[in-house]
C-alpha cells in the first residue's frame, strides 16, 4: 500500500513492490494475479485502515458543523501526516490510474460514490433537505470535492499549516449553503 501511495501506480514497478514487501514475484502473481490485483487489494486495505477513521467522523457525535469540522481535520491529517505518502491513495493514486484502466475507473467511482453517500447521510440526519437547489446529495458532492482538493494540494507538497484554514473555510462554506 505504501509503495503505491508514495510512488503512484505507474511508478511502483513489480520489482520495487517485490523488494519492498519481500514477496517473490511468483507469489505476487499467484496471490493477486499481478500488479493490478495487488493494487486493488491495497486500495481495499487502505479503505479499511486509513479511510475508516476519516469517514467515522461523519457518525453524529456533535452538531453538523462540529462533525464536518472533524471530518476535514481528519482529511488534512490523512493527507499530511507522512511526508513519504502525501495525499490520499484513492483520490490521488487511484484517480490517476483510473484514466487508463476500466477496473480502476469502477473502483474509483465506487469509492467516490460511497464517500458522498456517507456525507449525504450525515447531512440528512441533521435535516438537510434531500431535494432543492442545494440538496444533501449536491452538498455532499461539494464536500467530497473540497476534501479531494485538500488531498491534491497535500500531494503536491502543501503542508497541514496551509491546509487547515482551507478545511475550516470548507465547513463555513458548506454551512452557508444550507437551505
C-alpha atoms as a PDB file:
ATOM      1  CA  UNK A   1       0.000   0.000   0.000  1.00  0.00           C
ATOM      2  CA  UNK A   2       2.752   2.449   0.969  1.00  0.00           C
ATOM      3  CA  UNK A   3       4.727   1.760  -2.224  1.00  0.00           C
ATOM      4  CA  UNK A   4       1.734   2.574  -4.424  1.00  0.00           C
ATOM      5  CA  UNK A   5       0.824   5.569  -2.259  1.00  0.00           C
ATOM      6  CA  UNK A   6       4.336   7.016  -2.319  1.00  0.00           C
ATOM      7  CA  UNK A   7       5.221   6.316  -5.955  1.00  0.00           C
ATOM      8  CA  UNK A   8       1.893   6.163  -7.752  1.00  0.00           C
ATOM      9  CA  UNK A   9       0.638   3.138  -9.653  1.00  0.00           C
ATOM     10  CA  UNK A  10       2.754   3.531 -12.774  1.00  0.00           C
ATOM     11  CA  UNK A  11       5.996   4.198 -10.898  1.00  0.00           C
ATOM     12  CA  UNK A  12       5.529   1.283  -8.498  1.00  0.00           C
ATOM     13  CA  UNK A  13       7.214  -1.402 -10.564  1.00  0.00           C
ATOM     14  CA  UNK A  14       6.738  -5.069  -9.760  1.00  0.00           C
ATOM     15  CA  UNK A  15      10.442  -5.246  -8.914  1.00  0.00           C
ATOM     16  CA  UNK A  16      10.155  -2.407  -6.373  1.00  0.00           C
ATOM     17  CA  UNK A  17       6.979  -3.910  -4.895  1.00  0.00           C
ATOM     18  CA  UNK A  18       8.623  -7.318  -4.507  1.00  0.00           C
ATOM     19  CA  UNK A  19      11.737  -5.786  -2.941  1.00  0.00           C
ATOM     20  CA  UNK A  20       9.769  -3.570  -0.514  1.00  0.00           C
ATOM     21  CA  UNK A  21       7.362  -6.319   0.548  1.00  0.00           C
ATOM     22  CA  UNK A  22       9.823  -9.202   0.476  1.00  0.00           C
ATOM     23  CA  UNK A  23       7.327 -11.059  -1.704  1.00  0.00           C
ATOM     24  CA  UNK A  24       8.714 -13.197  -4.538  1.00  0.00           C
ATOM     25  CA  UNK A  25       7.358 -12.256  -7.964  1.00  0.00           C
ATOM     26  CA  UNK A  26       5.698 -15.667  -8.367  1.00  0.00           C
ATOM     27  CA  UNK A  27       3.814 -15.246  -5.087  1.00  0.00           C
ATOM     28  CA  UNK A  28       2.559 -11.828  -6.149  1.00  0.00           C
ATOM     29  CA  UNK A  29       1.107 -13.304  -9.333  1.00  0.00           C
ATOM     30  CA  UNK A  30      -0.231 -16.383  -7.553  1.00  0.00           C
ATOM     31  CA  UNK A  31      -1.939 -14.398  -4.790  1.00  0.00           C
ATOM     32  CA  UNK A  32      -3.062 -11.295  -6.693  1.00  0.00           C
ATOM     33  CA  UNK A  33      -2.835 -12.241 -10.380  1.00  0.00           C
ATOM     34  CA  UNK A  34      -0.431  -9.370 -10.926  1.00  0.00           C
ATOM     35  CA  UNK A  35       0.173  -5.755 -10.111  1.00  0.00           C
ATOM     36  CA  UNK A  36      -3.396  -4.660 -10.862  1.00  0.00           C
ATOM     37  CA  UNK A  37      -4.873  -7.165  -8.417  1.00  0.00           C
ATOM     38  CA  UNK A  38      -2.343  -6.204  -5.761  1.00  0.00           C
ATOM     39  CA  UNK A  39      -3.177  -2.532  -6.240  1.00  0.00           C
ATOM     40  CA  UNK A  40      -6.904  -3.182  -5.814  1.00  0.00           C
ATOM     41  CA  UNK A  41      -6.142  -5.190  -2.659  1.00  0.00           C
ATOM     42  CA  UNK A  42      -4.002  -2.286  -1.399  1.00  0.00           C
ATOM     43  CA  UNK A  43      -6.882   0.137  -2.076  1.00  0.00           C
ATOM     44  CA  UNK A  44      -9.255  -2.119  -0.129  1.00  0.00           C
ATOM     45  CA  UNK A  45      -6.785  -2.326   2.773  1.00  0.00           C
ATOM     46  CA  UNK A  46      -6.324   1.450   2.693  1.00  0.00           C
ATOM     47  CA  UNK A  47     -10.091   1.943   2.835  1.00  0.00           C
ATOM     48  CA  UNK A  48     -10.364  -0.253   5.910  1.00  0.00           C
ATOM     49  CA  UNK A  49      -7.325   1.038   7.775  1.00  0.00           C
ATOM     50  CA  UNK A  50      -6.794   4.660   6.736  1.00  0.00           C
ATOM     51  CA  UNK A  51     -10.151   5.937   5.500  1.00  0.00           C
ATOM     52  CA  UNK A  52     -12.352   4.356   8.137  1.00  0.00           C
ATOM     53  CA  UNK A  53     -11.240   6.816  10.868  1.00  0.00           C
ATOM     54  CA  UNK A  54     -11.935   9.701   8.472  1.00  0.00           C
ATOM     55  CA  UNK A  55     -15.407   8.543   7.478  1.00  0.00           C
ATOM     56  CA  UNK A  56     -16.331   7.574  11.048  1.00  0.00           C
ATOM     57  CA  UNK A  57     -16.154  11.259  11.933  1.00  0.00           C
ATOM     58  CA  UNK A  58     -19.386  11.573   9.976  1.00  0.00           C
ATOM     59  CA  UNK A  59     -21.259   9.494  12.548  1.00  0.00           C
ATOM     60  CA  UNK A  60     -23.326  12.006  14.533  1.00  0.00           C
ATOM     61  CA  UNK A  61     -21.408  12.973  17.636  1.00  0.00           C
ATOM     62  CA  UNK A  62     -21.977  16.711  17.790  1.00  0.00           C
ATOM     63  CA  UNK A  63     -23.564  19.386  15.696  1.00  0.00           C
ATOM     64  CA  UNK A  64     -23.331  19.091  11.926  1.00  0.00           C
ATOM     65  CA  UNK A  65     -20.697  21.842  11.825  1.00  0.00           C
ATOM     66  CA  UNK A  66     -18.656  20.075  14.519  1.00  0.00           C
ATOM     67  CA  UNK A  67     -18.811  16.729  12.735  1.00  0.00           C
ATOM     68  CA  UNK A  68     -17.913  18.281   9.368  1.00  0.00           C
ATOM     69  CA  UNK A  69     -15.050  20.143  11.040  1.00  0.00           C
ATOM     70  CA  UNK A  70     -13.707  16.898  12.473  1.00  0.00           C
ATOM     71  CA  UNK A  71     -14.090  15.231   9.068  1.00  0.00           C
ATOM     72  CA  UNK A  72     -11.961  17.922   7.432  1.00  0.00           C
ATOM     73  CA  UNK A  73      -9.422  17.853  10.285  1.00  0.00           C
ATOM     74  CA  UNK A  74      -9.014  14.135   9.641  1.00  0.00           C
ATOM     75  CA  UNK A  75      -8.744  14.702   5.870  1.00  0.00           C
ATOM     76  CA  UNK A  76      -5.853  17.117   6.464  1.00  0.00           C
ATOM     77  CA  UNK A  77      -4.252  14.704   8.916  1.00  0.00           C
ATOM     78  CA  UNK A  78      -4.517  11.780   6.489  1.00  0.00           C
ATOM     79  CA  UNK A  79      -3.138  13.822   3.612  1.00  0.00           C
ATOM     80  CA  UNK A  80      -0.258  15.435   5.508  1.00  0.00           C
ATOM     81  CA  UNK A  81       0.764  13.107   8.331  1.00  0.00           C
ATOM     82  CA  UNK A  82       3.535  11.323   6.422  1.00  0.00           C
ATOM     83  CA  UNK A  83       5.845  13.133   4.017  1.00  0.00           C
ATOM     84  CA  UNK A  84       6.563   9.872   2.152  1.00  0.00           C
ATOM     85  CA  UNK A  85       2.861   9.252   1.473  1.00  0.00           C
ATOM     86  CA  UNK A  86       1.179  12.617   0.978  1.00  0.00           C
ATOM     87  CA  UNK A  87      -2.351  12.951  -0.295  1.00  0.00           C
ATOM     88  CA  UNK A  88      -4.757  10.032  -0.449  1.00  0.00           C
ATOM     89  CA  UNK A  89      -4.227   6.665  -2.111  1.00  0.00           C
ATOM     90  CA  UNK A  90      -7.737   6.812  -3.572  1.00  0.00           C
ATOM     91  CA  UNK A  91      -8.095  10.480  -4.505  1.00  0.00           C
ATOM     92  CA  UNK A  92      -4.513  10.801  -5.696  1.00  0.00           C
ATOM     93  CA  UNK A  93      -3.182   7.468  -6.955  1.00  0.00           C
ATOM     94  CA  UNK A  94      -6.336   5.516  -7.842  1.00  0.00           C
ATOM     95  CA  UNK A  95      -7.870   8.545  -9.554  1.00  0.00           C
ATOM     96  CA  UNK A  96      -4.747   8.970 -11.696  1.00  0.00           C
ATOM     97  CA  UNK A  97      -4.549   5.266 -12.556  1.00  0.00           C
ATOM     98  CA  UNK A  98      -8.266   5.195 -13.423  1.00  0.00           C
ATOM     99  CA  UNK A  99      -7.621   7.308 -16.505  1.00  0.00           C
ATOM    100  CA  UNK A 100      -6.452   4.244 -18.435  1.00  0.00           C
ATOM    101  CA  UNK A 101      -7.836   1.194 -16.613  1.00  0.00           C
ATOM    102  CA  UNK A 102     -11.511   0.239 -16.576  1.00  0.00           C
ATOM    103  CA  UNK A 103     -11.248  -1.767 -13.348  1.00  0.00           C
ATOM    104  CA  UNK A 104      -9.677   1.228 -11.633  1.00  0.00           C
ATOM    105  CA  UNK A 105     -12.375   3.534 -13.009  1.00  0.00           C
ATOM    106  CA  UNK A 106     -15.054   1.323 -11.475  1.00  0.00           C
ATOM    107  CA  UNK A 107     -13.211   1.195  -8.140  1.00  0.00           C
ATOM    108  CA  UNK A 108     -12.682   4.980  -8.117  1.00  0.00           C
ATOM    109  CA  UNK A 109     -16.340   5.635  -8.892  1.00  0.00           C
ATOM    110  CA  UNK A 110     -17.446   3.176  -6.206  1.00  0.00           C
ATOM    111  CA  UNK A 111     -15.173   4.806  -3.599  1.00  0.00           C
ATOM    112  CA  UNK A 112     -16.151   8.363  -4.553  1.00  0.00           C
ATOM    113  CA  UNK A 113     -19.862   7.469  -4.514  1.00  0.00           C
ATOM    114  CA  UNK A 114     -19.545   5.755  -1.124  1.00  0.00           C
ATOM    115  CA  UNK A 115     -17.937   8.807   0.471  1.00  0.00           C
ATOM    116  CA  UNK A 116     -20.544  11.143  -1.000  1.00  0.00           C
ATOM    117  CA  UNK A 117     -23.349   8.870   0.205  1.00  0.00           C
ATOM    118  CA  UNK A 118     -21.832   8.835   3.703  1.00  0.00           C
ATOM    119  CA  UNK A 119     -21.629  12.632   3.782  1.00  0.00           C
ATOM    120  CA  UNK A 120     -25.160  12.973   2.371  1.00  0.00           C
ATOM    121  CA  UNK A 121     -26.498  10.621   5.045  1.00  0.00           C
ATOM    122  CA  UNK A 122     -24.941  12.789   7.757  1.00  0.00           C
ATOM    123  CA  UNK A 123     -26.461  15.911   6.223  1.00  0.00           C
ATOM    124  CA  UNK A 124     -29.904  14.293   6.052  1.00  0.00           C
ATOM    125  CA  UNK A 125     -29.605  13.193   9.698  1.00  0.00           C
ATOM    126  CA  UNK A 126     -29.299  16.871  10.540  1.00  0.00           C
ATOM    127  CA  UNK A 127     -32.357  17.803   8.494  1.00  0.00           C
ATOM    128  CA  UNK A 128     -30.647  18.928   5.282  1.00  0.00           C
ATOM    129  CA  UNK A 129     -33.240  18.710   2.502  1.00  0.00           C
ATOM    130  CA  UNK A 130     -32.925  15.869   0.017  1.00  0.00           C
ATOM    131  CA  UNK A 131     -34.415  17.987  -2.747  1.00  0.00           C
ATOM    132  CA  UNK A 132     -33.992  21.517  -3.972  1.00  0.00           C
ATOM    133  CA  UNK A 133     -31.234  23.686  -5.341  1.00  0.00           C
ATOM    134  CA  UNK A 134     -28.660  22.554  -2.769  1.00  0.00           C
ATOM    135  CA  UNK A 135     -29.873  19.091  -1.874  1.00  0.00           C
ATOM    136  CA  UNK A 136     -27.987  16.866   0.540  1.00  0.00           C
ATOM    137  CA  UNK A 137     -26.549  14.966  -2.431  1.00  0.00           C
ATOM    138  CA  UNK A 138     -25.277  18.167  -4.089  1.00  0.00           C
ATOM    139  CA  UNK A 139     -23.788  19.432  -0.818  1.00  0.00           C
ATOM    140  CA  UNK A 140     -22.180  16.032  -0.184  1.00  0.00           C
ATOM    141  CA  UNK A 141     -20.640  16.047  -3.654  1.00  0.00           C
ATOM    142  CA  UNK A 142     -19.262  19.510  -2.977  1.00  0.00           C
ATOM    143  CA  UNK A 143     -17.869  18.463   0.425  1.00  0.00           C
ATOM    144  CA  UNK A 144     -16.157  15.444  -1.131  1.00  0.00           C
ATOM    145  CA  UNK A 145     -14.732  17.611  -3.914  1.00  0.00           C
ATOM    146  CA  UNK A 146     -13.359  20.008  -1.289  1.00  0.00           C
ATOM    147  CA  UNK A 147     -11.758  17.084   0.551  1.00  0.00           C
ATOM    148  CA  UNK A 148     -10.226  15.794  -2.699  1.00  0.00           C
ATOM    149  CA  UNK A 149      -8.882  19.290  -3.374  1.00  0.00           C
ATOM    150  CA  UNK A 150      -7.204  19.329   0.016  1.00  0.00           C
ATOM    151  CA  UNK A 151      -5.541  15.967  -0.557  1.00  0.00           C
ATOM    152  CA  UNK A 152      -4.488  17.035  -4.034  1.00  0.00           C
ATOM    153  CA  UNK A 153      -2.753  20.102  -2.599  1.00  0.00           C
ATOM    154  CA  UNK A 154      -1.093  17.918   0.033  1.00  0.00           C
ATOM    155  CA  UNK A 155       0.097  15.542  -2.695  1.00  0.00           C
ATOM    156  CA  UNK A 156       1.720  18.498  -4.439  1.00  0.00           C
ATOM    157  CA  UNK A 157       3.587  19.462  -1.279  1.00  0.00           C
ATOM    158  CA  UNK A 158       1.355  21.891   0.578  1.00  0.00           C
ATOM    159  CA  UNK A 159       1.564  21.326   4.331  1.00  0.00           C
ATOM    160  CA  UNK A 160      -1.050  20.963   7.026  1.00  0.00           C
ATOM    161  CA  UNK A 161      -0.430  24.501   8.286  1.00  0.00           C
ATOM    162  CA  UNK A 162      -1.669  25.879   4.958  1.00  0.00           C
ATOM    163  CA  UNK A 163      -4.457  23.320   4.521  1.00  0.00           C
ATOM    164  CA  UNK A 164      -6.108  23.623   7.945  1.00  0.00           C
ATOM    165  CA  UNK A 165      -7.537  27.077   7.139  1.00  0.00           C
ATOM    166  CA  UNK A 166      -8.841  25.668   3.846  1.00  0.00           C
ATOM    167  CA  UNK A 167     -10.584  22.906   5.789  1.00  0.00           C
ATOM    168  CA  UNK A 168     -12.127  25.448   8.139  1.00  0.00           C
ATOM    169  CA  UNK A 169     -13.317  27.545   5.198  1.00  0.00           C
ATOM    170  CA  UNK A 170     -14.812  24.426   3.590  1.00  0.00           C
ATOM    171  CA  UNK A 171     -17.046  23.867   6.619  1.00  0.00           C
ATOM    172  CA  UNK A 172     -18.047  27.543   6.714  1.00  0.00           C
ATOM    173  CA  UNK A 173     -18.916  27.481   3.017  1.00  0.00           C
ATOM    174  CA  UNK A 174     -20.923  24.273   3.327  1.00  0.00           C
ATOM    175  CA  UNK A 175     -22.884  25.520   6.308  1.00  0.00           C
ATOM    176  CA  UNK A 176     -23.670  28.760   4.447  1.00  0.00           C
ATOM    177  CA  UNK A 177     -25.266  26.683   1.670  1.00  0.00           C
ATOM    178  CA  UNK A 178     -27.731  25.005   3.976  1.00  0.00           C
ATOM    179  CA  UNK A 179     -31.223  25.934   2.801  1.00  0.00           C
END
